[in-house]
């Protein structure tokens, strides 16, 4: 079995995918990781799909997955996981705002077998958009209060999981409009051991975010909160 599968959902990331893939391959070499990269083209309207197929033809440990329609980041995670072979799976955005170099640190933390998932939280938040930074941190603060937890940056999707743990967490995805904001709560309610480590978060240099209207997107998140409360506290009561 492969040591680590890196799953990267891609939507209109033609200018980023080559640098992303080559940087991850460098990390595999540097840390002697037997790894693979799964790049998912989520029905991009640019040349992302062509670039992914070119990379998969060039490198045997890069796997190309394509969605016939835009399905969103969570379904891309699921498609990537189904096409992966790693003992551990790591999710990273394709926009290079998370540094691939930090993959080595996350992998080292989970390979000690003390944790079921390790999340990189954005301590050094260098994104240019102060408004999006405010929304992200406000959401994390609100979820901490609602669920009586004390976590950093709950919604960061830069995470490494034990393979079976990720499969189990994704079983909840259909219950939410924006599961990418609630997957950590799903992990906690199921009793999985989580560790958070600080990582840098850089401004996007190329391409555009799929979130065109942050306020509208945030409203969709608010619609999911009652479901999250019900799921979380129901599971907590059953655990007692």
C-alpha atoms as a PDB file:
ATOM      1  CA  UNK A   1       0.000   0.000   0.000  1.00  0.00           C
ATOM      2  CA  UNK A   2       1.165   3.542  -0.744  1.00  0.00           C
ATOM      3  CA  UNK A   3       2.181   5.627   2.274  1.00  0.00           C
ATOM      4  CA  UNK A   4       0.339   8.844   1.429  1.00  0.00           C
ATOM      5  CA  UNK A   5      -2.295   9.936  -1.077  1.00  0.00           C
ATOM      6  CA  UNK A   6      -2.539  13.692  -1.630  1.00  0.00           C
ATOM      7  CA  UNK A   7      -5.976  14.710  -2.888  1.00  0.00           C
ATOM      8  CA  UNK A   8      -6.319  18.086  -4.617  1.00  0.00           C
ATOM      9  CA  UNK A   9      -9.688  19.253  -5.981  1.00  0.00           C
ATOM     10  CA  UNK A  10      -9.150  21.545  -8.985  1.00  0.00           C
ATOM     11  CA  UNK A  11     -11.588  24.023 -10.488  1.00  0.00           C
ATOM     12  CA  UNK A  12     -10.178  26.459 -13.055  1.00  0.00           C
ATOM     13  CA  UNK A  13      -6.645  26.082 -11.719  1.00  0.00           C
ATOM     14  CA  UNK A  14      -4.760  25.743 -15.022  1.00  0.00           C
ATOM     15  CA  UNK A  15      -2.047  28.138 -13.865  1.00  0.00           C
ATOM     16  CA  UNK A  16      -1.444  26.377 -10.543  1.00  0.00           C
ATOM     17  CA  UNK A  17      -1.661  22.620 -11.047  1.00  0.00           C
ATOM     18  CA  UNK A  18       1.819  22.061 -12.497  1.00  0.00           C
ATOM     19  CA  UNK A  19       3.556  23.993  -9.724  1.00  0.00           C
ATOM     20  CA  UNK A  20       1.381  22.235  -7.152  1.00  0.00           C
ATOM     21  CA  UNK A  21       2.143  18.763  -8.469  1.00  0.00           C
ATOM     22  CA  UNK A  22       5.890  19.338  -8.849  1.00  0.00           C
ATOM     23  CA  UNK A  23       6.110  20.843  -5.354  1.00  0.00           C
ATOM     24  CA  UNK A  24       4.332  17.836  -3.840  1.00  0.00           C
ATOM     25  CA  UNK A  25       6.606  15.430  -5.713  1.00  0.00           C
ATOM     26  CA  UNK A  26       9.597  17.316  -4.270  1.00  0.00           C
ATOM     27  CA  UNK A  27       8.151  16.810  -0.788  1.00  0.00           C
ATOM     28  CA  UNK A  28       7.812  13.064  -1.448  1.00  0.00           C
ATOM     29  CA  UNK A  29      11.495  12.929  -2.416  1.00  0.00           C
ATOM     30  CA  UNK A  30      12.662  15.115   0.472  1.00  0.00           C
ATOM     31  CA  UNK A  31      10.881  13.073   3.151  1.00  0.00           C
ATOM     32  CA  UNK A  32      11.238   9.670   1.432  1.00  0.00           C
ATOM     33  CA  UNK A  33       7.454   9.294   1.211  1.00  0.00           C
ATOM     34  CA  UNK A  34       5.995   6.632  -1.071  1.00  0.00           C
ATOM     35  CA  UNK A  35       3.231   8.935  -2.263  1.00  0.00           C
ATOM     36  CA  UNK A  36       0.721   9.595  -4.983  1.00  0.00           C
ATOM     37  CA  UNK A  37      -1.221  12.666  -6.083  1.00  0.00           C
ATOM     38  CA  UNK A  38      -4.863  12.559  -7.114  1.00  0.00           C
ATOM     39  CA  UNK A  39      -5.897  15.646  -9.096  1.00  0.00           C
ATOM     40  CA  UNK A  40      -9.642  16.034  -9.579  1.00  0.00           C
ATOM     41  CA  UNK A  41     -10.889  18.257 -12.397  1.00  0.00           C
ATOM     42  CA  UNK A  42     -14.261  19.452 -11.115  1.00  0.00           C
ATOM     43  CA  UNK A  43     -15.627  20.293 -14.577  1.00  0.00           C
ATOM     44  CA  UNK A  44     -13.363  23.304 -15.104  1.00  0.00           C
ATOM     45  CA  UNK A  45     -14.072  25.742 -17.925  1.00  0.00           C
ATOM     46  CA  UNK A  46     -10.366  26.362 -18.615  1.00  0.00           C
ATOM     47  CA  UNK A  47      -7.501  24.003 -19.484  1.00  0.00           C
ATOM     48  CA  UNK A  48      -7.252  22.455 -16.013  1.00  0.00           C
ATOM     49  CA  UNK A  49      -8.415  19.039 -17.228  1.00  0.00           C
ATOM     50  CA  UNK A  50      -5.895  19.015 -20.075  1.00  0.00           C
ATOM     51  CA  UNK A  51      -3.094  19.942 -17.696  1.00  0.00           C
ATOM     52  CA  UNK A  52      -4.039  17.198 -15.236  1.00  0.00           C
ATOM     53  CA  UNK A  53      -4.071  14.540 -17.965  1.00  0.00           C
ATOM     54  CA  UNK A  54      -0.700  15.749 -19.187  1.00  0.00           C
ATOM     55  CA  UNK A  55       0.771  15.438 -15.698  1.00  0.00           C
ATOM     56  CA  UNK A  56      -0.710  11.975 -15.161  1.00  0.00           C
ATOM     57  CA  UNK A  57       0.840  10.859 -18.429  1.00  0.00           C
ATOM     58  CA  UNK A  58       4.213  12.223 -17.373  1.00  0.00           C
ATOM     59  CA  UNK A  59       4.304  10.866 -13.800  1.00  0.00           C
ATOM     60  CA  UNK A  60       3.110   7.385 -12.876  1.00  0.00           C
ATOM     61  CA  UNK A  61       2.144   8.459  -9.342  1.00  0.00           C
ATOM     62  CA  UNK A  62      -0.181  11.263 -10.478  1.00  0.00           C
ATOM     63  CA  UNK A  63      -3.767  10.108 -10.977  1.00  0.00           C
ATOM     64  CA  UNK A  64      -6.274  12.040 -13.076  1.00  0.00           C
ATOM     65  CA  UNK A  65      -9.938  12.111 -12.043  1.00  0.00           C
ATOM     66  CA  UNK A  66     -12.598  14.083 -13.911  1.00  0.00           C
ATOM     67  CA  UNK A  67     -16.128  15.131 -12.961  1.00  0.00           C
ATOM     68  CA  UNK A  68     -18.660  15.472 -15.820  1.00  0.00           C
ATOM     69  CA  UNK A  69     -20.305  18.315 -13.906  1.00  0.00           C
ATOM     70  CA  UNK A  70     -19.233  20.696 -11.164  1.00  0.00           C
ATOM     71  CA  UNK A  71     -19.831  18.848  -7.891  1.00  0.00           C
ATOM     72  CA  UNK A  72     -17.912  20.944  -5.362  1.00  0.00           C
ATOM     73  CA  UNK A  73     -14.920  20.387  -3.131  1.00  0.00           C
ATOM     74  CA  UNK A  74     -16.459  17.754  -0.843  1.00  0.00           C
ATOM     75  CA  UNK A  75     -17.482  15.451  -3.691  1.00  0.00           C
ATOM     76  CA  UNK A  76     -14.019  15.974  -5.160  1.00  0.00           C
ATOM     77  CA  UNK A  77     -12.567  14.755  -1.853  1.00  0.00           C
ATOM     78  CA  UNK A  78     -14.787  11.705  -2.092  1.00  0.00           C
ATOM     79  CA  UNK A  79     -13.822  10.978  -5.703  1.00  0.00           C
ATOM     80  CA  UNK A  80     -10.164  11.416  -4.859  1.00  0.00           C
ATOM     81  CA  UNK A  81     -10.413   9.081  -1.875  1.00  0.00           C
ATOM     82  CA  UNK A  82     -12.126   6.386  -3.948  1.00  0.00           C
ATOM     83  CA  UNK A  83      -9.307   6.551  -6.494  1.00  0.00           C
ATOM     84  CA  UNK A  84      -6.507   6.596  -3.909  1.00  0.00           C
ATOM     85  CA  UNK A  85      -4.355   3.800  -2.510  1.00  0.00           C
ATOM     86  CA  UNK A  86      -2.623   5.397   0.476  1.00  0.00           C
ATOM     87  CA  UNK A  87      -2.552   4.323   4.087  1.00  0.00           C
ATOM     88  CA  UNK A  88      -3.036   8.013   4.835  1.00  0.00           C
ATOM     89  CA  UNK A  89      -4.843  10.620   2.761  1.00  0.00           C
ATOM     90  CA  UNK A  90      -4.180  14.337   2.743  1.00  0.00           C
ATOM     91  CA  UNK A  91      -6.393  17.061   1.296  1.00  0.00           C
ATOM     92  CA  UNK A  92      -4.970  20.317  -0.006  1.00  0.00           C
ATOM     93  CA  UNK A  93      -6.396  23.136  -2.115  1.00  0.00           C
ATOM     94  CA  UNK A  94      -4.961  23.544  -5.612  1.00  0.00           C
ATOM     95  CA  UNK A  95      -4.500  27.321  -5.358  1.00  0.00           C
ATOM     96  CA  UNK A  96      -1.108  27.128  -3.566  1.00  0.00           C
ATOM     97  CA  UNK A  97      -2.330  29.191  -0.609  1.00  0.00           C
ATOM     98  CA  UNK A  98      -1.242  26.298   1.590  1.00  0.00           C
ATOM     99  CA  UNK A  99       2.432  25.441   1.170  1.00  0.00           C
ATOM    100  CA  UNK A 100       3.062  21.890  -0.093  1.00  0.00           C
ATOM    101  CA  UNK A 101       6.254  21.958   1.993  1.00  0.00           C
ATOM    102  CA  UNK A 102       4.070  21.652   5.132  1.00  0.00           C
ATOM    103  CA  UNK A 103       2.828  18.262   3.926  1.00  0.00           C
ATOM    104  CA  UNK A 104       5.963  16.708   5.400  1.00  0.00           C
ATOM    105  CA  UNK A 105       5.168  18.131   8.828  1.00  0.00           C
ATOM    106  CA  UNK A 106       1.554  16.904   8.787  1.00  0.00           C
ATOM    107  CA  UNK A 107       2.609  13.458   7.593  1.00  0.00           C
ATOM    108  CA  UNK A 108       5.187  13.159  10.360  1.00  0.00           C
ATOM    109  CA  UNK A 109       2.557  14.028  12.984  1.00  0.00           C
ATOM    110  CA  UNK A 110       0.058  11.381  11.888  1.00  0.00           C
ATOM    111  CA  UNK A 111       2.573   8.628  11.163  1.00  0.00           C
ATOM    112  CA  UNK A 112       3.298   8.425  14.891  1.00  0.00           C
ATOM    113  CA  UNK A 113      -0.162   6.800  15.220  1.00  0.00           C
ATOM    114  CA  UNK A 114      -1.249   8.971  18.162  1.00  0.00           C
ATOM    115  CA  UNK A 115      -3.898  10.773  16.088  1.00  0.00           C
ATOM    116  CA  UNK A 116      -6.608   9.889  13.574  1.00  0.00           C
ATOM    117  CA  UNK A 117      -6.349  13.185  11.710  1.00  0.00           C
ATOM    118  CA  UNK A 118      -4.032  16.186  11.808  1.00  0.00           C
ATOM    119  CA  UNK A 119      -5.216  19.591  10.616  1.00  0.00           C
ATOM    120  CA  UNK A 120      -3.057  22.525   9.580  1.00  0.00           C
ATOM    121  CA  UNK A 121      -4.575  25.695  11.024  1.00  0.00           C
ATOM    122  CA  UNK A 122      -3.851  29.071   9.494  1.00  0.00           C
ATOM    123  CA  UNK A 123      -1.889  30.910  12.171  1.00  0.00           C
ATOM    124  CA  UNK A 124      -0.014  33.016   9.620  1.00  0.00           C
ATOM    125  CA  UNK A 125      -2.974  34.217   7.577  1.00  0.00           C
ATOM    126  CA  UNK A 126      -1.398  36.191   4.720  1.00  0.00           C
ATOM    127  CA  UNK A 127      -4.450  36.308   2.457  1.00  0.00           C
ATOM    128  CA  UNK A 128      -5.012  39.758   0.988  1.00  0.00           C
ATOM    129  CA  UNK A 129      -8.751  39.685   1.626  1.00  0.00           C
ATOM    130  CA  UNK A 130      -9.360  41.026   5.128  1.00  0.00           C
ATOM    131  CA  UNK A 131     -13.100  40.503   4.673  1.00  0.00           C
ATOM    132  CA  UNK A 132     -12.711  36.776   3.936  1.00  0.00           C
ATOM    133  CA  UNK A 133     -10.279  36.478   6.831  1.00  0.00           C
ATOM    134  CA  UNK A 134     -12.894  38.065   9.093  1.00  0.00           C
ATOM    135  CA  UNK A 135     -15.633  35.705   7.866  1.00  0.00           C
ATOM    136  CA  UNK A 136     -13.457  32.626   8.316  1.00  0.00           C
ATOM    137  CA  UNK A 137     -12.348  33.491  11.826  1.00  0.00           C
ATOM    138  CA  UNK A 138     -15.826  34.580  12.845  1.00  0.00           C
ATOM    139  CA  UNK A 139     -17.213  31.212  11.766  1.00  0.00           C
ATOM    140  CA  UNK A 140     -14.560  29.321  13.714  1.00  0.00           C
ATOM    141  CA  UNK A 141     -15.312  31.430  16.782  1.00  0.00           C
ATOM    142  CA  UNK A 142     -19.070  30.853  16.461  1.00  0.00           C
ATOM    143  CA  UNK A 143     -18.658  27.087  16.098  1.00  0.00           C
ATOM    144  CA  UNK A 144     -16.339  26.947  19.104  1.00  0.00           C
ATOM    145  CA  UNK A 145     -18.995  28.693  21.190  1.00  0.00           C
ATOM    146  CA  UNK A 146     -21.907  26.603  19.912  1.00  0.00           C
ATOM    147  CA  UNK A 147     -20.177  23.269  20.448  1.00  0.00           C
ATOM    148  CA  UNK A 148     -18.183  24.092  23.585  1.00  0.00           C
ATOM    149  CA  UNK A 149     -14.870  23.322  21.945  1.00  0.00           C
ATOM    150  CA  UNK A 150     -11.584  25.218  21.702  1.00  0.00           C
ATOM    151  CA  UNK A 151     -10.099  24.706  18.268  1.00  0.00           C
ATOM    152  CA  UNK A 152      -8.176  26.922  15.890  1.00  0.00           C
ATOM    153  CA  UNK A 153      -9.535  27.613  12.409  1.00  0.00           C
ATOM    154  CA  UNK A 154     -12.091  24.804  12.242  1.00  0.00           C
ATOM    155  CA  UNK A 155     -12.687  25.045   8.496  1.00  0.00           C
ATOM    156  CA  UNK A 156      -9.109  24.601   7.215  1.00  0.00           C
ATOM    157  CA  UNK A 157      -9.132  21.845   4.591  1.00  0.00           C
ATOM    158  CA  UNK A 158      -5.395  21.146   4.825  1.00  0.00           C
ATOM    159  CA  UNK A 159      -5.724  17.846   6.684  1.00  0.00           C
ATOM    160  CA  UNK A 160      -4.144  14.401   6.761  1.00  0.00           C
ATOM    161  CA  UNK A 161      -6.299  11.441   7.811  1.00  0.00           C
ATOM    162  CA  UNK A 162      -6.050   7.750   8.389  1.00  0.00           C
ATOM    163  CA  UNK A 163      -7.715   6.294   5.327  1.00  0.00           C
ATOM    164  CA  UNK A 164     -10.647   4.579   7.048  1.00  0.00           C
ATOM    165  CA  UNK A 165     -11.259   7.653   9.203  1.00  0.00           C
ATOM    166  CA  UNK A 166     -11.686   9.873   6.158  1.00  0.00           C
ATOM    167  CA  UNK A 167     -14.124   7.401   4.612  1.00  0.00           C
ATOM    168  CA  UNK A 168     -16.157   7.420   7.820  1.00  0.00           C
ATOM    169  CA  UNK A 169     -16.202  11.221   8.089  1.00  0.00           C
ATOM    170  CA  UNK A 170     -17.339  11.626   4.481  1.00  0.00           C
ATOM    171  CA  UNK A 171     -20.396   9.472   5.171  1.00  0.00           C
ATOM    172  CA  UNK A 172     -21.955  12.615   6.691  1.00  0.00           C
ATOM    173  CA  UNK A 173     -21.350  14.821   3.646  1.00  0.00           C
ATOM    174  CA  UNK A 174     -24.810  14.470   2.070  1.00  0.00           C
ATOM    175  CA  UNK A 175     -26.461  15.939   5.150  1.00  0.00           C
ATOM    176  CA  UNK A 176     -24.941  19.403   4.608  1.00  0.00           C
ATOM    177  CA  UNK A 177     -24.863  22.126   1.964  1.00  0.00           C
ATOM    178  CA  UNK A 178     -21.307  23.097   2.950  1.00  0.00           C
ATOM    179  CA  UNK A 179     -19.769  20.064   4.612  1.00  0.00           C
ATOM    180  CA  UNK A 180     -16.278  21.519   4.118  1.00  0.00           C
ATOM    181  CA  UNK A 181     -17.077  23.755   7.101  1.00  0.00           C
ATOM    182  CA  UNK A 182     -18.345  20.958   9.358  1.00  0.00           C
ATOM    183  CA  UNK A 183     -16.136  17.922   8.687  1.00  0.00           C
ATOM    184  CA  UNK A 184     -14.037  18.567  11.803  1.00  0.00           C
ATOM    185  CA  UNK A 185     -17.201  18.539  13.914  1.00  0.00           C
ATOM    186  CA  UNK A 186     -18.110  15.240  12.261  1.00  0.00           C
ATOM    187  CA  UNK A 187     -14.710  13.856  13.259  1.00  0.00           C
ATOM    188  CA  UNK A 188     -15.112  15.038  16.851  1.00  0.00           C
ATOM    189  CA  UNK A 189     -18.627  13.680  17.269  1.00  0.00           C
ATOM    190  CA  UNK A 190     -17.388  10.274  16.074  1.00  0.00           C
ATOM    191  CA  UNK A 191     -14.679  10.341  18.724  1.00  0.00           C
ATOM    192  CA  UNK A 192     -11.635  10.613  16.470  1.00  0.00           C
ATOM    193  CA  UNK A 193      -8.376  11.967  17.854  1.00  0.00           C
ATOM    194  CA  UNK A 194      -7.493  15.330  16.314  1.00  0.00           C
ATOM    195  CA  UNK A 195      -4.322  17.375  16.462  1.00  0.00           C
ATOM    196  CA  UNK A 196      -3.966  20.885  15.014  1.00  0.00           C
ATOM    197  CA  UNK A 197      -0.621  22.324  13.947  1.00  0.00           C
ATOM    198  CA  UNK A 198       0.021  25.881  12.712  1.00  0.00           C
ATOM    199  CA  UNK A 199       0.732  26.496   9.021  1.00  0.00           C
ATOM    200  CA  UNK A 200       1.110  29.574   6.845  1.00  0.00           C
ATOM    201  CA  UNK A 201      -1.634  30.654   4.443  1.00  0.00           C
ATOM    202  CA  UNK A 202      -0.534  32.739   1.476  1.00  0.00           C
ATOM    203  CA  UNK A 203      -2.332  35.071  -0.942  1.00  0.00           C
ATOM    204  CA  UNK A 204      -3.578  33.509  -4.142  1.00  0.00           C
ATOM    205  CA  UNK A 205      -1.202  34.482  -6.940  1.00  0.00           C
ATOM    206  CA  UNK A 206      -2.997  32.962  -9.943  1.00  0.00           C
ATOM    207  CA  UNK A 207      -6.591  32.141 -10.785  1.00  0.00           C
ATOM    208  CA  UNK A 208      -9.756  33.039  -8.914  1.00  0.00           C
ATOM    209  CA  UNK A 209     -11.531  31.568  -5.920  1.00  0.00           C
ATOM    210  CA  UNK A 210     -14.632  29.492  -6.581  1.00  0.00           C
ATOM    211  CA  UNK A 211     -16.352  31.567  -3.879  1.00  0.00           C
ATOM    212  CA  UNK A 212     -17.620  34.512  -5.915  1.00  0.00           C
ATOM    213  CA  UNK A 213     -20.035  35.854  -3.304  1.00  0.00           C
ATOM    214  CA  UNK A 214     -18.657  35.311   0.238  1.00  0.00           C
ATOM    215  CA  UNK A 215     -21.750  36.682   2.002  1.00  0.00           C
ATOM    216  CA  UNK A 216     -24.124  34.384   0.084  1.00  0.00           C
ATOM    217  CA  UNK A 217     -21.807  31.450   0.751  1.00  0.00           C
ATOM    218  CA  UNK A 218     -21.764  32.309   4.451  1.00  0.00           C
ATOM    219  CA  UNK A 219     -25.550  32.258   4.521  1.00  0.00           C
ATOM    220  CA  UNK A 220     -25.493  28.697   3.196  1.00  0.00           C
ATOM    221  CA  UNK A 221     -23.184  27.826   6.066  1.00  0.00           C
ATOM    222  CA  UNK A 222     -25.685  29.290   8.528  1.00  0.00           C
ATOM    223  CA  UNK A 223     -28.372  26.997   7.114  1.00  0.00           C
ATOM    224  CA  UNK A 224     -26.221  24.004   8.062  1.00  0.00           C
ATOM    225  CA  UNK A 225     -25.669  25.000  11.678  1.00  0.00           C
ATOM    226  CA  UNK A 226     -28.989  23.594  13.036  1.00  0.00           C
ATOM    227  CA  UNK A 227     -28.214  20.244  11.390  1.00  0.00           C
ATOM    228  CA  UNK A 228     -24.714  20.272  12.873  1.00  0.00           C
ATOM    229  CA  UNK A 229     -26.072  21.029  16.349  1.00  0.00           C
ATOM    230  CA  UNK A 230     -28.578  18.188  16.101  1.00  0.00           C
ATOM    231  CA  UNK A 231     -26.016  15.700  14.784  1.00  0.00           C
ATOM    232  CA  UNK A 232     -23.292  16.657  17.226  1.00  0.00           C
ATOM    233  CA  UNK A 233     -25.309  16.602  20.414  1.00  0.00           C
ATOM    234  CA  UNK A 234     -27.299  13.497  19.425  1.00  0.00           C
ATOM    235  CA  UNK A 235     -24.051  11.616  18.934  1.00  0.00           C
ATOM    236  CA  UNK A 236     -22.692  12.958  22.223  1.00  0.00           C
ATOM    237  CA  UNK A 237     -25.723  11.671  24.117  1.00  0.00           C
ATOM    238  CA  UNK A 238     -25.418   8.220  22.493  1.00  0.00           C
ATOM    239  CA  UNK A 239     -21.740   8.102  23.450  1.00  0.00           C
ATOM    240  CA  UNK A 240     -22.694   8.544  27.121  1.00  0.00           C
END
